[in-house]
C-alpha cells in the first residue's frame, strides 16, 4: 500500500468517532451506528453496546460484521469523493474476566470519557471487531483492497 493510502486509512480509523456497523440479526442484515476506538495495532476496533439494542443481537462471538467509516460529507464536495473504508471481520466479546478487559475499557473511556458511567450498567458489553479485510475508496475510481497485512502496516506508518 502506498504511503498516501496508509495515511488515509489511519486517519479514518483515528479521527472518525463513529462507524456504521452491519451485522446479521435473525438472518437478516441490520445496520447500527456506534462509537468506536481503534486498537493501537490497527487490527481491530472496540465498540460498547447495550444488549437492548437490536444490533447487539448480531454481536455474538465469532459472528461476521461489516463496518463503514467515512470522512465528513461536506456540502460543497461531490458525495462520491468522500473518503471511506469498509472493513469486515469477526466479533469477539471482551468479557470482564478477560486479561485485556481493563486495558480495553480504559482505551474506550479515554476516547469517550462520558462512557465511564455507562460501563456501570449491566446491559452493556464491550466487543472487539477483528479486522480481516477491507476496501478503501479514496475517490472516484480510486479503490484498493486491504488485507490483514495492510492493517499491520498502519501501526508502522
N, C-alpha and C. Protein backbone atom coordinates (compact mmCIF):
# COMPACT_ATOMS: atom_id res chain seq x y z
N UNK A 1 0.84 -1.17 0.00
CA UNK A 1 0.00 0.00 0.00
C UNK A 1 0.89 1.24 0.00
N UNK A 2 0.50 2.23 -0.75
CA UNK A 2 1.24 3.49 -0.83
C UNK A 2 1.10 4.28 0.48
N UNK A 3 2.06 5.13 0.76
CA UNK A 3 2.05 5.92 1.99
C UNK A 3 0.79 6.79 2.10
N UNK A 4 0.37 7.38 0.99
CA UNK A 4 -0.84 8.22 0.99
C UNK A 4 -2.07 7.41 1.41
N UNK A 5 -2.17 6.18 0.90
CA UNK A 5 -3.30 5.32 1.24
C UNK A 5 -3.23 4.89 2.70
N UNK A 6 -2.03 4.52 3.16
CA UNK A 6 -1.84 4.17 4.57
C UNK A 6 -2.27 5.31 5.48
N UNK A 7 -1.84 6.51 5.14
CA UNK A 7 -2.17 7.68 5.94
C UNK A 7 -3.68 7.93 5.99
N UNK A 8 -4.35 7.73 4.86
CA UNK A 8 -5.79 7.95 4.80
C UNK A 8 -6.54 6.93 5.67
N UNK A 9 -6.19 5.67 5.56
CA UNK A 9 -6.85 4.65 6.37
C UNK A 9 -6.61 4.94 7.85
N UNK A 10 -5.38 5.25 8.19
CA UNK A 10 -5.04 5.55 9.59
C UNK A 10 -5.83 6.76 10.09
N UNK A 11 -5.95 7.78 9.25
CA UNK A 11 -6.70 8.98 9.62
C UNK A 11 -8.17 8.64 9.86
N UNK A 12 -8.76 7.85 8.99
CA UNK A 12 -10.16 7.46 9.17
C UNK A 12 -10.35 6.67 10.46
N UNK A 13 -9.43 5.76 10.75
CA UNK A 13 -9.54 4.93 11.95
C UNK A 13 -9.23 5.71 13.23
N UNK A 14 -8.49 6.78 13.10
CA UNK A 14 -8.09 7.57 14.27
C UNK A 14 -9.00 8.77 14.51
N UNK A 15 -9.35 9.48 13.46
CA UNK A 15 -10.09 10.74 13.60
C UNK A 15 -11.60 10.56 13.66
N UNK A 16 -12.13 9.59 12.94
CA UNK A 16 -13.57 9.37 12.95
C UNK A 16 -13.97 8.73 14.29
N UNK A 17 -15.15 9.09 14.77
CA UNK A 17 -15.58 8.63 16.10
C UNK A 17 -16.69 7.59 16.05
N UNK A 18 -17.40 7.50 14.93
CA UNK A 18 -18.48 6.52 14.82
C UNK A 18 -18.33 5.71 13.54
N UNK A 19 -18.86 4.52 13.59
CA UNK A 19 -18.89 3.66 12.41
C UNK A 19 -20.30 3.13 12.23
N UNK A 20 -20.61 2.81 10.99
CA UNK A 20 -21.87 2.13 10.68
C UNK A 20 -21.55 0.65 10.70
N UNK A 21 -22.20 -0.07 11.60
CA UNK A 21 -21.90 -1.48 11.82
C UNK A 21 -23.01 -2.34 11.25
N UNK A 22 -22.65 -3.19 10.31
CA UNK A 22 -23.59 -4.14 9.73
C UNK A 22 -23.39 -5.52 10.32
N UNK A 23 -24.48 -6.10 10.82
CA UNK A 23 -24.46 -7.45 11.39
C UNK A 23 -25.69 -8.20 10.91
N UNK A 24 -25.71 -9.48 11.17
CA UNK A 24 -26.89 -10.29 10.86
C UNK A 24 -27.72 -10.46 12.12
N UNK A 25 -29.00 -10.11 12.03
CA UNK A 25 -29.94 -10.28 13.13
C UNK A 25 -31.10 -11.11 12.61
N UNK A 26 -31.28 -12.26 13.20
CA UNK A 26 -32.33 -13.18 12.75
C UNK A 26 -32.19 -13.49 11.26
N UNK A 27 -30.94 -13.62 10.82
CA UNK A 27 -30.66 -13.99 9.44
C UNK A 27 -30.80 -12.86 8.43
N UNK A 28 -31.06 -11.65 8.91
CA UNK A 28 -31.23 -10.51 8.00
C UNK A 28 -30.23 -9.43 8.35
N UNK A 29 -29.77 -8.67 7.35
CA UNK A 29 -28.81 -7.60 7.63
C UNK A 29 -29.43 -6.48 8.45
N UNK A 30 -28.63 -5.95 9.37
CA UNK A 30 -29.06 -4.84 10.20
C UNK A 30 -27.86 -3.91 10.39
N UNK A 31 -28.09 -2.60 10.33
CA UNK A 31 -27.02 -1.62 10.47
C UNK A 31 -27.32 -0.72 11.66
N UNK A 32 -26.29 -0.49 12.47
CA UNK A 32 -26.38 0.42 13.60
C UNK A 32 -25.21 1.39 13.56
N UNK A 33 -25.35 2.49 14.27
CA UNK A 33 -24.29 3.50 14.35
C UNK A 33 -23.70 3.42 15.75
N UNK A 34 -22.38 3.20 15.84
CA UNK A 34 -21.73 3.03 17.14
C UNK A 34 -20.43 3.82 17.24
N UNK A 35 -20.17 4.41 18.39
CA UNK A 35 -18.84 4.98 18.64
C UNK A 35 -17.82 3.84 18.66
N UNK A 36 -16.59 4.12 18.27
CA UNK A 36 -15.56 3.09 18.27
C UNK A 36 -14.20 3.70 18.60
N UNK A 37 -13.31 2.83 19.01
CA UNK A 37 -11.91 3.21 19.20
C UNK A 37 -11.06 2.12 18.55
N UNK A 38 -10.12 2.54 17.72
CA UNK A 38 -9.22 1.57 17.07
C UNK A 38 -8.18 1.08 18.06
N UNK A 39 -7.79 -0.16 17.91
CA UNK A 39 -6.71 -0.71 18.71
C UNK A 39 -5.41 -0.05 18.29
N UNK A 40 -4.44 -0.03 19.17
CA UNK A 40 -3.14 0.60 18.89
C UNK A 40 -2.45 -0.05 17.69
N UNK A 41 -2.71 -1.34 17.46
CA UNK A 41 -2.09 -2.03 16.32
C UNK A 41 -2.94 -1.97 15.05
N UNK A 42 -4.09 -1.29 15.11
CA UNK A 42 -5.00 -1.09 13.97
C UNK A 42 -5.52 -2.39 13.37
N UNK A 43 -5.49 -3.46 14.13
CA UNK A 43 -6.01 -4.74 13.62
C UNK A 43 -7.41 -5.04 14.12
N UNK A 44 -7.95 -4.12 14.94
CA UNK A 44 -9.30 -4.29 15.47
C UNK A 44 -9.81 -2.95 16.00
N UNK A 45 -11.07 -2.96 16.37
CA UNK A 45 -11.70 -1.79 17.00
C UNK A 45 -12.58 -2.28 18.13
N UNK A 46 -12.78 -1.39 19.10
CA UNK A 46 -13.66 -1.69 20.22
C UNK A 46 -14.96 -0.91 20.08
N UNK A 47 -16.07 -1.59 20.35
CA UNK A 47 -17.37 -0.94 20.43
C UNK A 47 -18.01 -1.36 21.74
N UNK A 48 -18.85 -0.49 22.29
CA UNK A 48 -19.53 -0.74 23.55
C UNK A 48 -21.01 -0.63 23.26
N UNK A 49 -21.75 -1.70 23.47
CA UNK A 49 -23.15 -1.71 23.03
C UNK A 49 -24.06 -2.34 24.08
N UNK A 50 -25.27 -1.79 24.15
CA UNK A 50 -26.30 -2.31 25.05
C UNK A 50 -26.90 -3.58 24.47
N UNK A 51 -27.15 -4.54 25.33
CA UNK A 51 -27.82 -5.77 24.90
C UNK A 51 -29.27 -5.50 24.48
N UNK A 52 -29.78 -4.33 24.84
CA UNK A 52 -31.13 -3.96 24.46
C UNK A 52 -31.21 -3.46 23.01
N UNK A 53 -30.06 -3.07 22.45
CA UNK A 53 -30.04 -2.56 21.07
C UNK A 53 -30.16 -3.73 20.09
N UNK A 54 -30.91 -3.51 19.05
CA UNK A 54 -31.13 -4.57 18.05
C UNK A 54 -29.82 -5.09 17.47
N UNK A 55 -28.88 -4.19 17.17
CA UNK A 55 -27.63 -4.64 16.55
C UNK A 55 -26.82 -5.54 17.48
N UNK A 56 -27.04 -5.47 18.79
CA UNK A 56 -26.29 -6.32 19.71
C UNK A 56 -26.63 -7.80 19.54
N UNK A 57 -27.80 -8.07 19.00
CA UNK A 57 -28.16 -9.48 18.75
C UNK A 57 -27.27 -10.08 17.67
N UNK A 58 -26.65 -9.23 16.86
CA UNK A 58 -25.72 -9.71 15.84
C UNK A 58 -24.26 -9.68 16.30
N UNK A 59 -24.02 -9.21 17.52
CA UNK A 59 -22.66 -9.13 18.05
C UNK A 59 -22.34 -10.35 18.90
N UNK A 60 -22.52 -11.51 18.34
CA UNK A 60 -22.21 -12.76 19.04
C UNK A 60 -20.78 -13.16 18.72
N UNK A 61 -20.06 -13.72 19.69
CA UNK A 61 -18.67 -14.15 19.42
C UNK A 61 -18.59 -15.04 18.18
N UNK A 62 -17.67 -14.70 17.29
CA UNK A 62 -17.47 -15.45 16.05
C UNK A 62 -18.37 -15.03 14.91
N UNK A 63 -19.29 -14.11 15.17
CA UNK A 63 -20.20 -13.65 14.11
C UNK A 63 -19.49 -12.69 13.18
N UNK A 64 -19.88 -12.67 11.91
CA UNK A 64 -19.28 -11.73 10.97
C UNK A 64 -19.87 -10.33 11.15
N UNK A 65 -19.09 -9.34 10.76
CA UNK A 65 -19.56 -7.96 10.75
C UNK A 65 -18.98 -7.27 9.54
N UNK A 66 -19.56 -6.15 9.19
CA UNK A 66 -19.00 -5.24 8.21
C UNK A 66 -19.22 -3.84 8.75
N UNK A 67 -18.20 -3.00 8.65
CA UNK A 67 -18.29 -1.64 9.18
C UNK A 67 -17.87 -0.65 8.10
N UNK A 68 -18.53 0.48 8.09
CA UNK A 68 -18.21 1.57 7.19
C UNK A 68 -17.80 2.77 8.03
N UNK A 69 -16.63 3.32 7.72
CA UNK A 69 -16.12 4.52 8.36
C UNK A 69 -15.83 5.51 7.25
N UNK A 70 -16.35 6.73 7.38
CA UNK A 70 -16.14 7.70 6.30
C UNK A 70 -15.85 9.08 6.85
N UNK A 71 -15.18 9.85 6.02
CA UNK A 71 -14.89 11.24 6.36
C UNK A 71 -16.19 12.04 6.30
N UNK A 72 -16.13 13.25 6.79
CA UNK A 72 -17.28 14.13 6.78
C UNK A 72 -17.74 14.43 5.36
N UNK A 73 -19.04 14.48 5.18
CA UNK A 73 -19.63 14.80 3.88
C UNK A 73 -19.89 16.30 3.84
N UNK A 74 -18.95 17.04 3.29
CA UNK A 74 -19.09 18.49 3.18
C UNK A 74 -20.02 18.81 2.00
N UNK A 75 -20.93 19.72 2.20
CA UNK A 75 -21.92 20.05 1.18
C UNK A 75 -21.31 20.51 -0.14
N UNK A 76 -20.16 21.16 -0.09
CA UNK A 76 -19.58 21.69 -1.31
C UNK A 76 -18.84 20.63 -2.13
N UNK A 77 -18.64 19.45 -1.57
CA UNK A 77 -17.90 18.40 -2.27
C UNK A 77 -18.84 17.39 -2.93
N UNK A 78 -18.33 16.71 -3.93
CA UNK A 78 -19.05 15.63 -4.59
C UNK A 78 -19.16 14.47 -3.60
N UNK A 79 -20.36 14.02 -3.33
CA UNK A 79 -20.59 12.95 -2.35
C UNK A 79 -19.84 11.66 -2.71
N UNK A 80 -19.60 11.42 -3.99
CA UNK A 80 -18.87 10.22 -4.40
C UNK A 80 -17.38 10.31 -4.11
N UNK A 81 -16.91 11.48 -3.73
CA UNK A 81 -15.49 11.68 -3.44
C UNK A 81 -15.17 11.55 -1.95
N UNK A 82 -16.17 11.29 -1.11
CA UNK A 82 -15.96 11.18 0.33
C UNK A 82 -15.07 9.97 0.61
N UNK A 83 -13.89 10.16 1.21
CA UNK A 83 -13.03 9.02 1.55
C UNK A 83 -13.72 8.10 2.55
N UNK A 84 -13.58 6.80 2.32
CA UNK A 84 -14.24 5.82 3.18
C UNK A 84 -13.52 4.49 3.15
N UNK A 85 -13.69 3.76 4.22
CA UNK A 85 -13.14 2.42 4.30
C UNK A 85 -14.23 1.49 4.83
N UNK A 86 -14.40 0.37 4.16
CA UNK A 86 -15.29 -0.68 4.62
C UNK A 86 -14.41 -1.80 5.13
N UNK A 87 -14.71 -2.29 6.32
CA UNK A 87 -13.90 -3.33 6.94
C UNK A 87 -14.82 -4.46 7.37
N UNK A 88 -14.38 -5.69 7.13
CA UNK A 88 -15.14 -6.87 7.55
C UNK A 88 -14.27 -7.76 8.41
N UNK A 89 -14.93 -8.53 9.23
CA UNK A 89 -14.19 -9.45 10.10
C UNK A 89 -15.13 -10.19 11.02
N UNK A 90 -14.59 -10.54 12.20
CA UNK A 90 -15.33 -11.33 13.18
C UNK A 90 -15.42 -10.60 14.52
N UNK A 91 -16.51 -10.86 15.23
CA UNK A 91 -16.80 -10.25 16.52
C UNK A 91 -16.23 -11.11 17.65
N UNK A 92 -15.70 -10.43 18.67
CA UNK A 92 -15.27 -11.10 19.90
C UNK A 92 -15.81 -10.32 21.09
N UNK A 93 -16.41 -11.00 22.04
CA UNK A 93 -16.83 -10.37 23.28
C UNK A 93 -15.58 -10.17 24.14
N UNK A 94 -15.41 -8.98 24.70
CA UNK A 94 -14.34 -8.73 25.66
C UNK A 94 -15.01 -8.80 27.03
N UNK A 95 -14.93 -9.97 27.65
CA UNK A 95 -15.59 -10.21 28.93
C UNK A 95 -14.80 -9.59 30.07
N UNK A 96 -15.49 -9.26 31.16
CA UNK A 96 -14.83 -8.66 32.31
C UNK A 96 -13.75 -9.55 32.88
N UNK A 97 -13.86 -10.84 32.69
CA UNK A 97 -12.86 -11.77 33.20
C UNK A 97 -11.62 -11.87 32.30
N UNK A 98 -11.69 -11.32 31.09
CA UNK A 98 -10.56 -11.39 30.16
C UNK A 98 -9.39 -10.54 30.64
N UNK A 99 -8.19 -11.01 30.37
CA UNK A 99 -6.97 -10.31 30.79
C UNK A 99 -6.89 -8.90 30.20
N UNK A 100 -7.42 -8.70 29.01
CA UNK A 100 -7.32 -7.39 28.37
C UNK A 100 -8.54 -6.50 28.59
N UNK A 101 -9.48 -6.93 29.42
CA UNK A 101 -10.70 -6.15 29.61
C UNK A 101 -10.39 -4.75 30.15
N UNK A 102 -9.63 -4.67 31.22
CA UNK A 102 -9.41 -3.36 31.85
C UNK A 102 -8.69 -2.39 30.91
N UNK A 103 -7.67 -2.87 30.19
CA UNK A 103 -6.96 -2.01 29.24
C UNK A 103 -7.89 -1.59 28.10
N UNK A 104 -8.73 -2.50 27.64
CA UNK A 104 -9.68 -2.20 26.57
C UNK A 104 -10.72 -1.19 27.05
N UNK A 105 -11.24 -1.41 28.24
CA UNK A 105 -12.22 -0.48 28.82
C UNK A 105 -11.61 0.91 28.96
N UNK A 106 -10.37 0.97 29.43
CA UNK A 106 -9.73 2.26 29.63
C UNK A 106 -9.48 2.98 28.30
N UNK A 107 -9.09 2.22 27.28
CA UNK A 107 -8.90 2.83 25.95
C UNK A 107 -10.20 3.43 25.44
N UNK A 108 -11.30 2.74 25.69
CA UNK A 108 -12.60 3.25 25.25
C UNK A 108 -12.98 4.51 26.04
N UNK A 109 -12.79 4.47 27.35
CA UNK A 109 -13.11 5.62 28.20
C UNK A 109 -12.21 6.81 27.87
N UNK A 110 -10.95 6.55 27.54
CA UNK A 110 -10.04 7.64 27.17
C UNK A 110 -10.58 8.40 25.97
N UNK A 111 -11.17 7.69 25.03
CA UNK A 111 -11.70 8.34 23.84
C UNK A 111 -13.08 8.95 24.09
N UNK A 112 -13.87 8.27 24.92
CA UNK A 112 -15.24 8.70 25.21
C UNK A 112 -15.43 8.78 26.72
N UNK A 113 -14.95 9.85 27.35
CA UNK A 113 -14.97 9.95 28.81
C UNK A 113 -16.36 9.76 29.43
N UNK A 114 -17.41 10.18 28.76
CA UNK A 114 -18.75 10.04 29.34
C UNK A 114 -19.21 8.58 29.40
N UNK A 115 -18.50 7.68 28.72
CA UNK A 115 -18.88 6.27 28.75
C UNK A 115 -18.51 5.59 30.07
N UNK A 116 -17.71 6.26 30.90
CA UNK A 116 -17.30 5.70 32.19
C UNK A 116 -18.52 5.24 32.99
N UNK A 117 -19.53 6.07 33.05
CA UNK A 117 -20.75 5.73 33.80
C UNK A 117 -21.53 4.60 33.13
N UNK A 118 -21.48 4.55 31.82
CA UNK A 118 -22.24 3.52 31.09
C UNK A 118 -21.64 2.14 31.35
N UNK A 119 -20.34 2.07 31.62
CA UNK A 119 -19.72 0.77 31.93
C UNK A 119 -20.29 0.18 33.22
N UNK A 120 -20.93 1.00 34.05
CA UNK A 120 -21.52 0.51 35.29
C UNK A 120 -22.88 -0.16 35.07
N UNK A 121 -23.47 0.09 33.90
CA UNK A 121 -24.77 -0.50 33.59
C UNK A 121 -24.61 -1.97 33.20
N UNK A 122 -25.48 -2.80 33.70
CA UNK A 122 -25.35 -4.25 33.48
C UNK A 122 -25.69 -4.75 32.10
N UNK A 123 -26.35 -3.94 31.28
CA UNK A 123 -26.77 -4.44 29.97
C UNK A 123 -25.80 -4.10 28.85
N UNK A 124 -24.64 -3.48 29.17
CA UNK A 124 -23.67 -3.11 28.15
C UNK A 124 -22.51 -4.10 28.12
N UNK A 125 -22.06 -4.41 26.91
CA UNK A 125 -20.89 -5.26 26.72
C UNK A 125 -19.88 -4.55 25.83
N UNK A 126 -18.64 -4.94 26.01
CA UNK A 126 -17.55 -4.43 25.19
C UNK A 126 -17.20 -5.51 24.16
N UNK A 127 -17.08 -5.11 22.91
CA UNK A 127 -16.79 -6.06 21.83
C UNK A 127 -15.56 -5.60 21.06
N UNK A 128 -14.78 -6.58 20.62
CA UNK A 128 -13.65 -6.30 19.74
C UNK A 128 -14.05 -6.78 18.34
N UNK A 129 -13.91 -5.88 17.38
CA UNK A 129 -14.17 -6.21 15.97
C UNK A 129 -12.82 -6.48 15.32
N UNK A 130 -12.52 -7.75 15.07
CA UNK A 130 -11.24 -8.13 14.45
C UNK A 130 -11.31 -7.90 12.94
N UNK A 131 -10.36 -7.12 12.44
CA UNK A 131 -10.33 -6.78 11.02
C UNK A 131 -9.70 -7.91 10.21
N UNK A 132 -10.41 -8.39 9.20
CA UNK A 132 -9.89 -9.44 8.33
C UNK A 132 -9.57 -8.92 6.93
N UNK A 133 -10.37 -8.01 6.44
CA UNK A 133 -10.10 -7.40 5.13
C UNK A 133 -10.88 -6.09 5.03
N UNK A 134 -10.54 -5.31 4.06
CA UNK A 134 -11.23 -4.04 3.89
C UNK A 134 -11.12 -3.53 2.47
N UNK A 135 -11.77 -2.42 2.25
CA UNK A 135 -11.75 -1.76 0.94
C UNK A 135 -11.72 -0.26 1.19
N UNK A 136 -10.64 0.38 0.77
CA UNK A 136 -10.50 1.82 0.87
C UNK A 136 -10.93 2.45 -0.44
N UNK A 137 -11.83 3.42 -0.35
CA UNK A 137 -12.22 4.21 -1.51
C UNK A 137 -11.81 5.64 -1.18
N UNK A 138 -10.84 6.13 -1.93
CA UNK A 138 -10.33 7.48 -1.65
C UNK A 138 -10.83 8.51 -2.66
N UNK A 139 -11.74 8.10 -3.52
CA UNK A 139 -12.31 8.99 -4.52
C UNK A 139 -12.79 8.17 -5.71
N UNK A 140 -13.32 8.85 -6.70
CA UNK A 140 -13.83 8.18 -7.89
C UNK A 140 -12.71 7.39 -8.57
N UNK A 141 -12.96 6.09 -8.80
CA UNK A 141 -12.02 5.18 -9.47
C UNK A 141 -10.70 5.03 -8.71
N UNK A 142 -10.73 5.27 -7.40
CA UNK A 142 -9.53 5.10 -6.57
C UNK A 142 -9.90 4.22 -5.38
N UNK A 143 -9.76 2.91 -5.58
CA UNK A 143 -10.11 1.96 -4.54
C UNK A 143 -9.04 0.87 -4.47
N UNK A 144 -8.76 0.43 -3.25
CA UNK A 144 -7.82 -0.67 -3.06
C UNK A 144 -8.37 -1.62 -2.00
N UNK A 145 -7.97 -2.87 -2.11
CA UNK A 145 -8.36 -3.88 -1.12
C UNK A 145 -7.31 -3.92 -0.02
N UNK A 146 -7.77 -4.06 1.22
CA UNK A 146 -6.90 -4.13 2.38
C UNK A 146 -6.89 -5.57 2.89
N UNK A 147 -5.71 -6.10 3.08
CA UNK A 147 -5.54 -7.45 3.62
C UNK A 147 -5.20 -7.35 5.11
N UNK A 148 -5.15 -8.46 5.82
CA UNK A 148 -4.70 -8.39 7.22
C UNK A 148 -3.32 -7.74 7.35
N UNK A 149 -2.44 -7.97 6.39
CA UNK A 149 -1.11 -7.34 6.42
C UNK A 149 -1.20 -5.82 6.28
N UNK A 150 -2.20 -5.34 5.55
CA UNK A 150 -2.39 -3.89 5.39
C UNK A 150 -2.62 -3.23 6.72
N UNK A 151 -3.41 -3.88 7.58
CA UNK A 151 -3.69 -3.30 8.90
C UNK A 151 -2.44 -3.29 9.76
N UNK A 152 -1.60 -4.31 9.61
CA UNK A 152 -0.32 -4.34 10.33
C UNK A 152 0.57 -3.17 9.91
N UNK A 153 0.54 -2.85 8.63
CA UNK A 153 1.35 -1.73 8.11
C UNK A 153 0.96 -0.41 8.74
N UNK A 154 -0.31 -0.26 9.12
CA UNK A 154 -0.79 1.00 9.69
C UNK A 154 -0.06 1.36 10.98
N UNK A 155 0.24 0.38 11.78
CA UNK A 155 0.91 0.64 13.05
C UNK A 155 2.33 1.15 12.83
N UNK A 156 2.90 0.81 11.71
CA UNK A 156 4.27 1.22 11.40
C UNK A 156 4.33 2.54 10.63
N UNK A 157 3.17 2.96 10.09
CA UNK A 157 3.12 4.16 9.25
C UNK A 157 3.15 5.44 10.09
